[in-house]
Amino acid sequence: MPGDGQPDFAKLTIQYIPDRKILESKSLKLYLWSFRNQGVFHEHAANSILDDLVKVLEPRWCKVTAEFSIRGGISITVEAEHKK
């Protein structure tokens, strides 16, 4: 839960079909680091990442899958997808 002070970890899978722009790995790493100290819900994190990628890259298709680690006996996987 956001704000409880406990860290969350997730495996992120980002898939996209580019149009005119591509994603640089260093820029992605720095962007993802910006989430380190934010207290956000899992669904919000995945959708925010997708929205930001779509805004910057304008891809033909993009999908973000976030597999969050188990917390309180519950594992959560969030998928967010965009098509032009």
PDB file of N, CA and C in Angstrom:
ATOM      1  N   MET A   1       0.847  -1.185   0.000  1.00  0.00           N
ATOM      2  CA  MET A   1       0.000   0.000   0.000  1.00  0.00           C
ATOM      3  C   MET A   1       0.888   1.242   0.000  1.00  0.00           C
ATOM      4  N   PRO A   2       0.551   2.224  -0.785  1.00  0.00           N
ATOM      5  CA  PRO A   2       1.351   3.442  -0.822  1.00  0.00           C
ATOM      6  C   PRO A   2       1.413   4.103   0.554  1.00  0.00           C
ATOM      7  N   GLY A   3       2.604   4.559   0.885  1.00  0.00           N
ATOM      8  CA  GLY A   3       2.752   5.304   2.116  1.00  0.00           C
ATOM      9  C   GLY A   3       3.051   4.454   3.337  1.00  0.00           C
ATOM     10  N   ASP A   4       3.146   3.133   3.197  1.00  0.00           N
ATOM     11  CA  ASP A   4       3.417   2.315   4.380  1.00  0.00           C
ATOM     12  C   ASP A   4       4.912   2.166   4.636  1.00  0.00           C
ATOM     13  N   GLY A   5       5.732   2.696   3.738  1.00  0.00           N
ATOM     14  CA  GLY A   5       7.166   2.684   3.930  1.00  0.00           C
ATOM     15  C   GLY A   5       7.857   1.397   3.527  1.00  0.00           C
ATOM     16  N   GLN A   6       7.111   0.392   3.115  1.00  0.00           N
ATOM     17  CA  GLN A   6       7.718  -0.867   2.712  1.00  0.00           C
ATOM     18  C   GLN A   6       8.043  -0.822   1.222  1.00  0.00           C
ATOM     19  N   PRO A   7       9.223  -1.307   0.841  1.00  0.00           N
ATOM     20  CA  PRO A   7       9.583  -1.270  -0.587  1.00  0.00           C
ATOM     21  C   PRO A   7       8.816  -2.306  -1.398  1.00  0.00           C
ATOM     22  N   ASP A   8       8.548  -1.986  -2.623  1.00  0.00           N
ATOM     23  CA  ASP A   8       7.963  -2.919  -3.573  1.00  0.00           C
ATOM     24  C   ASP A   8       8.974  -3.152  -4.685  1.00  0.00           C
ATOM     25  N   PHE A   9       8.977  -4.367  -5.186  1.00  0.00           N
ATOM     26  CA  PHE A   9       9.859  -4.708  -6.286  1.00  0.00           C
ATOM     27  C   PHE A   9       9.021  -5.316  -7.389  1.00  0.00           C
ATOM     28  N   ALA A  10       9.401  -5.042  -8.628  1.00  0.00           N
ATOM     29  CA  ALA A  10       8.644  -5.581  -9.761  1.00  0.00           C
ATOM     30  C   ALA A  10       9.592  -5.908 -10.900  1.00  0.00           C
ATOM     31  N   LYS A  11       9.202  -6.902 -11.660  1.00  0.00           N
ATOM     32  CA  LYS A  11       9.880  -7.201 -12.917  1.00  0.00           C
ATOM     33  C   LYS A  11       9.062  -6.512 -13.999  1.00  0.00           C
ATOM     34  N   LEU A  12       9.676  -5.586 -14.710  1.00  0.00           N
ATOM     35  CA  LEU A  12       8.989  -4.849 -15.769  1.00  0.00           C
ATOM     36  C   LEU A  12       9.377  -5.420 -17.128  1.00  0.00           C
ATOM     37  N   THR A  13       8.374  -5.624 -17.964  1.00  0.00           N
ATOM     38  CA  THR A  13       8.602  -5.999 -19.340  1.00  0.00           C
ATOM     39  C   THR A  13       7.960  -4.928 -20.205  1.00  0.00           C
ATOM     40  N   ILE A  14       8.768  -4.288 -21.032  1.00  0.00           N
ATOM     41  CA  ILE A  14       8.275  -3.242 -21.922  1.00  0.00           C
ATOM     42  C   ILE A  14       8.448  -3.733 -23.351  1.00  0.00           C
ATOM     43  N   GLN A  15       7.339  -3.813 -24.057  1.00  0.00           N
ATOM     44  CA  GLN A  15       7.355  -4.221 -25.460  1.00  0.00           C
ATOM     45  C   GLN A  15       6.741  -3.088 -26.269  1.00  0.00           C
ATOM     46  N   TYR A  16       7.324  -2.822 -27.434  1.00  0.00           N
ATOM     47  CA  TYR A  16       6.718  -1.799 -28.289  1.00  0.00           C
ATOM     48  C   TYR A  16       7.147  -1.971 -29.731  1.00  0.00           C
ATOM     49  N   ILE A  17       6.295  -1.474 -30.604  1.00  0.00           N
ATOM     50  CA  ILE A  17       6.608  -1.396 -32.021  1.00  0.00           C
ATOM     51  C   ILE A  17       6.825   0.086 -32.300  1.00  0.00           C
ATOM     52  N   PRO A  18       8.062   0.482 -32.585  1.00  0.00           N
ATOM     53  CA  PRO A  18       8.347   1.902 -32.764  1.00  0.00           C
ATOM     54  C   PRO A  18       7.745   2.467 -34.045  1.00  0.00           C
ATOM     55  N   ASP A  19       7.626   3.772 -34.041  1.00  0.00           N
ATOM     56  CA  ASP A  19       7.264   4.473 -35.264  1.00  0.00           C
ATOM     57  C   ASP A  19       8.520   5.200 -35.717  1.00  0.00           C
ATOM     58  N   ARG A  20       8.742   6.414 -35.226  1.00  0.00           N
ATOM     59  CA  ARG A  20       9.931   7.177 -35.637  1.00  0.00           C
ATOM     60  C   ARG A  20      10.968   7.315 -34.532  1.00  0.00           C
ATOM     61  N   LYS A  21      10.599   6.962 -33.297  1.00  0.00           N
ATOM     62  CA  LYS A  21      11.508   7.137 -32.164  1.00  0.00           C
ATOM     63  C   LYS A  21      11.725   5.794 -31.481  1.00  0.00           C
ATOM     64  N   ILE A  22      12.907   5.669 -30.849  1.00  0.00           N
ATOM     65  CA  ILE A  22      13.195   4.469 -30.069  1.00  0.00           C
ATOM     66  C   ILE A  22      13.618   4.873 -28.660  1.00  0.00           C
ATOM     67  N   LEU A  23      13.622   3.901 -27.776  1.00  0.00           N
ATOM     68  CA  LEU A  23      13.908   4.129 -26.369  1.00  0.00           C
ATOM     69  C   LEU A  23      15.375   3.841 -26.070  1.00  0.00           C
ATOM     70  N   GLU A  24      16.048   4.786 -25.450  1.00  0.00           N
ATOM     71  CA  GLU A  24      17.436   4.596 -25.043  1.00  0.00           C
ATOM     72  C   GLU A  24      17.459   3.992 -23.647  1.00  0.00           C
ATOM     73  N   SER A  25      18.266   2.961 -23.436  1.00  0.00           N
ATOM     74  CA  SER A  25      18.267   2.231 -22.165  1.00  0.00           C
ATOM     75  C   SER A  25      18.674   3.106 -20.974  1.00  0.00           C
ATOM     76  N   LYS A  26      19.649   3.993 -21.141  1.00  0.00           N
ATOM     77  CA  LYS A  26      20.058   4.849 -20.020  1.00  0.00           C
ATOM     78  C   LYS A  26      18.938   5.796 -19.617  1.00  0.00           C
ATOM     79  N   SER A  27      18.243   6.357 -20.585  1.00  0.00           N
ATOM     80  CA  SER A  27      17.118   7.239 -20.279  1.00  0.00           C
ATOM     81  C   SER A  27      16.021   6.480 -19.552  1.00  0.00           C
ATOM     82  N   LEU A  28      15.763   5.240 -19.987  1.00  0.00           N
ATOM     83  CA  LEU A  28      14.758   4.415 -19.323  1.00  0.00           C
ATOM     84  C   LEU A  28      15.162   4.140 -17.881  1.00  0.00           C
ATOM     85  N   LYS A  29      16.431   3.798 -17.668  1.00  0.00           N
ATOM     86  CA  LYS A  29      16.912   3.520 -16.311  1.00  0.00           C
ATOM     87  C   LYS A  29      16.723   4.728 -15.400  1.00  0.00           C
ATOM     88  N   LEU A  30      17.098   5.901 -15.858  1.00  0.00           N
ATOM     89  CA  LEU A  30      16.952   7.115 -15.048  1.00  0.00           C
ATOM     90  C   LEU A  30      15.482   7.420 -14.784  1.00  0.00           C
ATOM     91  N   TYR A  31      14.645   7.210 -15.774  1.00  0.00           N
ATOM     92  CA  TYR A  31      13.206   7.426 -15.605  1.00  0.00           C
ATOM     93  C   TYR A  31      12.644   6.474 -14.551  1.00  0.00           C
ATOM     94  N   LEU A  32      13.003   5.198 -14.640  1.00  0.00           N
ATOM     95  CA  LEU A  32      12.474   4.220 -13.679  1.00  0.00           C
ATOM     96  C   LEU A  32      12.957   4.507 -12.263  1.00  0.00           C
ATOM     97  N   TRP A  33      14.162   5.026 -12.126  1.00  0.00           N
ATOM     98  CA  TRP A  33      14.654   5.399 -10.799  1.00  0.00           C
ATOM     99  C   TRP A  33      13.774   6.458 -10.153  1.00  0.00           C
ATOM    100  N   SER A  34      13.100   7.261 -10.945  1.00  0.00           N
ATOM    101  CA  SER A  34      12.243   8.306 -10.384  1.00  0.00           C
ATOM    102  C   SER A  34      11.071   7.731  -9.588  1.00  0.00           C
ATOM    103  N   PHE A  35      10.790   6.449  -9.764  1.00  0.00           N
ATOM    104  CA  PHE A  35       9.693   5.810  -9.019  1.00  0.00           C
ATOM    105  C   PHE A  35      10.142   5.286  -7.652  1.00  0.00           C
ATOM    106  N   ARG A  36      11.428   5.301  -7.378  1.00  0.00           N
ATOM    107  CA  ARG A  36      11.964   4.692  -6.149  1.00  0.00           C
ATOM    108  C   ARG A  36      11.294   5.174  -4.883  1.00  0.00           C
ATOM    109  N   ASN A  37      11.064   6.443  -4.748  1.00  0.00           N
ATOM    110  CA  ASN A  37      10.545   7.002  -3.494  1.00  0.00           C
ATOM    111  C   ASN A  37       9.104   7.473  -3.598  1.00  0.00           C
ATOM    112  N   GLN A  38       8.409   7.020  -4.622  1.00  0.00           N
ATOM    113  CA  GLN A  38       7.005   7.391  -4.778  1.00  0.00           C
ATOM    114  C   GLN A  38       6.117   6.314  -4.174  1.00  0.00           C
ATOM    115  N   GLY A  39       5.129   6.724  -3.430  1.00  0.00           N
ATOM    116  CA  GLY A  39       4.150   5.779  -2.891  1.00  0.00           C
ATOM    117  C   GLY A  39       2.949   5.724  -3.821  1.00  0.00           C
ATOM    118  N   VAL A  40       2.953   4.792  -4.768  1.00  0.00           N
ATOM    119  CA  VAL A  40       1.843   4.687  -5.730  1.00  0.00           C
ATOM    120  C   VAL A  40       1.330   3.249  -5.754  1.00  0.00           C
ATOM    121  N   PHE A  41       0.084   3.100  -6.144  1.00  0.00           N
ATOM    122  CA  PHE A  41      -0.484   1.773  -6.310  1.00  0.00           C
ATOM    123  C   PHE A  41       0.132   1.102  -7.529  1.00  0.00           C
ATOM    124  N   HIS A  42       0.151  -0.226  -7.524  1.00  0.00           N
ATOM    125  CA  HIS A  42       0.748  -0.989  -8.615  1.00  0.00           C
ATOM    126  C   HIS A  42       0.143  -0.628  -9.965  1.00  0.00           C
ATOM    127  N   GLU A  43      -1.172  -0.577 -10.025  1.00  0.00           N
ATOM    128  CA  GLU A  43      -1.852  -0.261 -11.284  1.00  0.00           C
ATOM    129  C   GLU A  43      -1.474   1.129 -11.786  1.00  0.00           C
ATOM    130  N   HIS A  44      -1.364   2.068 -10.870  1.00  0.00           N
ATOM    131  CA  HIS A  44      -1.005   3.434 -11.254  1.00  0.00           C
ATOM    132  C   HIS A  44       0.414   3.483 -11.822  1.00  0.00           C
ATOM    133  N   ALA A  45       1.326   2.750 -11.204  1.00  0.00           N
ATOM    134  CA  ALA A  45       2.712   2.741 -11.682  1.00  0.00           C
ATOM    135  C   ALA A  45       2.789   2.218 -13.114  1.00  0.00           C
ATOM    136  N   ALA A  46       2.154   1.072 -13.374  1.00  0.00           N
ATOM    137  CA  ALA A  46       2.201   0.483 -14.719  1.00  0.00           C
ATOM    138  C   ALA A  46       1.558   1.394 -15.755  1.00  0.00           C
ATOM    139  N   ASN A  47       0.411   1.970 -15.430  1.00  0.00           N
ATOM    140  CA  ASN A  47      -0.273   2.855 -16.373  1.00  0.00           C
ATOM    141  C   ASN A  47       0.476   4.161 -16.583  1.00  0.00           C
ATOM    142  N   SER A  48       1.122   4.674 -15.550  1.00  0.00           N
ATOM    143  CA  SER A  48       1.927   5.897 -15.699  1.00  0.00           C
ATOM    144  C   SER A  48       3.111   5.664 -16.622  1.00  0.00           C
ATOM    145  N   ILE A  49       3.765   4.522 -16.462  1.00  0.00           N
ATOM    146  CA  ILE A  49       4.898   4.191 -17.324  1.00  0.00           C
ATOM    147  C   ILE A  49       4.433   4.084 -18.773  1.00  0.00           C
ATOM    148  N   LEU A  50       3.330   3.378 -19.001  1.00  0.00           N
ATOM    149  CA  LEU A  50       2.793   3.260 -20.363  1.00  0.00           C
ATOM    150  C   LEU A  50       2.448   4.638 -20.925  1.00  0.00           C
ATOM    151  N   ASP A  51       1.725   5.444 -20.162  1.00  0.00           N
ATOM    152  CA  ASP A  51       1.322   6.778 -20.641  1.00  0.00           C
ATOM    153  C   ASP A  51       2.526   7.636 -21.011  1.00  0.00           C
ATOM    154  N   ASP A  52       3.562   7.593 -20.179  1.00  0.00           N
ATOM    155  CA  ASP A  52       4.760   8.397 -20.451  1.00  0.00           C
ATOM    156  C   ASP A  52       5.501   7.898 -21.689  1.00  0.00           C
ATOM    157  N   LEU A  53       5.599   6.578 -21.843  1.00  0.00           N
ATOM    158  CA  LEU A  53       6.260   6.032 -23.032  1.00  0.00           C
ATOM    159  C   LEU A  53       5.507   6.392 -24.310  1.00  0.00           C
ATOM    160  N   VAL A  54       4.191   6.282 -24.262  1.00  0.00           N
ATOM    161  CA  VAL A  54       3.377   6.613 -25.435  1.00  0.00           C
ATOM    162  C   VAL A  54       3.513   8.096 -25.777  1.00  0.00           C
ATOM    163  N   LYS A  55       3.525   8.935 -24.759  1.00  0.00           N
ATOM    164  CA  LYS A  55       3.643  10.379 -24.983  1.00  0.00           C
ATOM    165  C   LYS A  55       4.973  10.744 -25.644  1.00  0.00           C
ATOM    166  N   VAL A  56       6.054  10.111 -25.203  1.00  0.00           N
ATOM    167  CA  VAL A  56       7.386  10.445 -25.705  1.00  0.00           C
ATOM    168  C   VAL A  56       7.714   9.740 -27.023  1.00  0.00           C
ATOM    169  N   LEU A  57       7.391   8.440 -27.104  1.00  0.00           N
ATOM    170  CA  LEU A  57       7.807   7.648 -28.271  1.00  0.00           C
ATOM    171  C   LEU A  57       6.810   7.655 -29.422  1.00  0.00           C
ATOM    172  N   GLU A  58       5.542   7.878 -29.119  1.00  0.00           N
ATOM    173  CA  GLU A  58       4.474   7.790 -30.120  1.00  0.00           C
ATOM    174  C   GLU A  58       4.578   6.482 -30.905  1.00  0.00           C
ATOM    175  N   PRO A  59       4.629   5.340 -30.193  1.00  0.00           N
ATOM    176  CA  PRO A  59       4.804   4.055 -30.876  1.00  0.00           C
ATOM    177  C   PRO A  59       3.533   3.605 -31.583  1.00  0.00           C
ATOM    178  N   ARG A  60       3.688   2.649 -32.481  1.00  0.00           N
ATOM    179  CA  ARG A  60       2.520   2.036 -33.114  1.00  0.00           C
ATOM    180  C   ARG A  60       1.765   1.177 -32.113  1.00  0.00           C
ATOM    181  N   TRP A  61       2.521   0.533 -31.225  1.00  0.00           N
ATOM    182  CA  TRP A  61       1.942  -0.336 -30.192  1.00  0.00           C
ATOM    183  C   TRP A  61       2.909  -0.393 -29.022  1.00  0.00           C
ATOM    184  N   CYS A  62       2.372  -0.471 -27.815  1.00  0.00           N
ATOM    185  CA  CYS A  62       3.218  -0.560 -26.630  1.00  0.00           C
ATOM    186  C   CYS A  62       2.474  -1.317 -25.535  1.00  0.00           C
ATOM    187  N   LYS A  63       3.213  -2.138 -24.806  1.00  0.00           N
ATOM    188  CA  LYS A  63       2.634  -2.894 -23.698  1.00  0.00           C
ATOM    189  C   LYS A  63       3.631  -2.912 -22.548  1.00  0.00           C
ATOM    190  N   VAL A  64       3.140  -2.615 -21.339  1.00  0.00           N
ATOM    191  CA  VAL A  64       3.949  -2.661 -20.133  1.00  0.00           C
ATOM    192  C   VAL A  64       3.349  -3.728 -19.223  1.00  0.00           C
ATOM    193  N   THR A  65       4.183  -4.668 -18.816  1.00  0.00           N
ATOM    194  CA  THR A  65       3.762  -5.692 -17.864  1.00  0.00           C
ATOM    195  C   THR A  65       4.617  -5.535 -16.621  1.00  0.00           C
ATOM    196  N   ALA A  66       3.963  -5.393 -15.476  1.00  0.00           N
ATOM    197  CA  ALA A  66       4.659  -5.237 -14.203  1.00  0.00           C
ATOM    198  C   ALA A  66       4.259  -6.392 -13.289  1.00  0.00           C
ATOM    199  N   GLU A  67       5.225  -7.263 -13.000  1.00  0.00           N
ATOM    200  CA  GLU A  67       4.994  -8.402 -12.107  1.00  0.00           C
ATOM    201  C   GLU A  67       5.567  -8.032 -10.736  1.00  0.00           C
ATOM    202  N   PHE A  68       4.684  -7.640  -9.821  1.00  0.00           N
ATOM    203  CA  PHE A  68       5.121  -7.197  -8.501  1.00  0.00           C
ATOM    204  C   PHE A  68       5.358  -8.379  -7.580  1.00  0.00           C
ATOM    205  N   SER A  69       6.354  -8.225  -6.703  1.00  0.00           N
ATOM    206  CA  SER A  69       6.694  -9.295  -5.771  1.00  0.00           C
ATOM    207  C   SER A  69       5.556  -9.509  -4.776  1.00  0.00           C
ATOM    208  N   ILE A  70       5.568 -10.684  -4.184  1.00  0.00           N
ATOM    209  CA  ILE A  70       4.502 -11.058  -3.249  1.00  0.00           C
ATOM    210  C   ILE A  70       4.598 -10.202  -1.999  1.00  0.00           C
ATOM    211  N   ARG A  71       3.447  -9.681  -1.600  1.00  0.00           N
ATOM    212  CA  ARG A  71       3.357  -8.912  -0.370  1.00  0.00           C
ATOM    213  C   ARG A  71       2.056  -9.308   0.315  1.00  0.00           C
ATOM    214  N   GLY A  72       2.158  -9.722   1.553  1.00  0.00           N
ATOM    215  CA  GLY A  72       0.966 -10.136   2.278  1.00  0.00           C
ATOM    216  C   GLY A  72       0.320 -11.372   1.669  1.00  0.00           C
ATOM    217  N   GLY A  73       1.119 -12.203   1.003  1.00  0.00           N
ATOM    218  CA  GLY A  73       0.603 -13.425   0.407  1.00  0.00           C
ATOM    219  C   GLY A  73      -0.057 -13.240  -0.953  1.00  0.00           C
ATOM    220  N   ILE A  74      -0.022 -12.023  -1.478  1.00  0.00           N
ATOM    221  CA  ILE A  74      -0.679 -11.742  -2.756  1.00  0.00           C
ATOM    222  C   ILE A  74       0.354 -11.244  -3.757  1.00  0.00           C
ATOM    223  N   SER A  75       0.346 -11.855  -4.947  1.00  0.00           N
ATOM    224  CA  SER A  75       1.190 -11.338  -6.023  1.00  0.00           C
ATOM    225  C   SER A  75       0.275 -10.637  -7.031  1.00  0.00           C
ATOM    226  N   ILE A  76       0.784  -9.595  -7.615  1.00  0.00           N
ATOM    227  CA  ILE A  76      -0.008  -8.801  -8.559  1.00  0.00           C
ATOM    228  C   ILE A  76       0.778  -8.621  -9.847  1.00  0.00           C
ATOM    229  N   THR A  77       0.117  -8.893 -10.962  1.00  0.00           N
ATOM    230  CA  THR A  77       0.682  -8.610 -12.282  1.00  0.00           C
ATOM    231  C   THR A  77      -0.270  -7.645 -12.987  1.00  0.00           C
ATOM    232  N   VAL A  78       0.265  -6.520 -13.434  1.00  0.00           N
ATOM    233  CA  VAL A  78      -0.523  -5.496 -14.107  1.00  0.00           C
ATOM    234  C   VAL A  78      -0.044  -5.393 -15.552  1.00  0.00           C
ATOM    235  N   GLU A  79      -0.977  -5.419 -16.501  1.00  0.00           N
ATOM    236  CA  GLU A  79      -0.659  -5.215 -17.908  1.00  0.00           C
ATOM    237  C   GLU A  79      -1.398  -3.983 -18.400  1.00  0.00           C
ATOM    238  N   ALA A  80      -0.674  -3.119 -19.087  1.00  0.00           N
ATOM    239  CA  ALA A  80      -1.266  -1.930 -19.693  1.00  0.00           C
ATOM    240  C   ALA A  80      -0.827  -1.901 -21.151  1.00  0.00           C
ATOM    241  N   GLU A  81      -1.765  -1.624 -22.053  1.00  0.00           N
ATOM    242  CA  GLU A  81      -1.461  -1.715 -23.477  1.00  0.00           C
ATOM    243  C   GLU A  81      -2.043  -0.523 -24.242  1.00  0.00           C
ATOM    244  N   HIS A  82      -1.320  -0.124 -25.299  1.00  0.00           N
ATOM    245  CA  HIS A  82      -1.732   0.996 -26.157  1.00  0.00           C
ATOM    246  C   HIS A  82      -1.594   0.575 -27.615  1.00  0.00           C
ATOM    247  N   LYS A  83      -2.585   0.927 -28.420  1.00  0.00           N
ATOM    248  CA  LYS A  83      -2.515   0.744 -29.878  1.00  0.00           C
ATOM    249  C   LYS A  83      -2.857   2.060 -30.538  1.00  0.00           C
ATOM    250  N   LYS A  84      -2.201   2.335 -31.663  1.00  0.00           N
ATOM    251  CA  LYS A  84      -2.543   3.537 -32.447  1.00  0.00           C
ATOM    252  C   LYS A  84      -3.792   3.286 -33.228  1.00  0.00           C
TER     253      LYS A  84
END
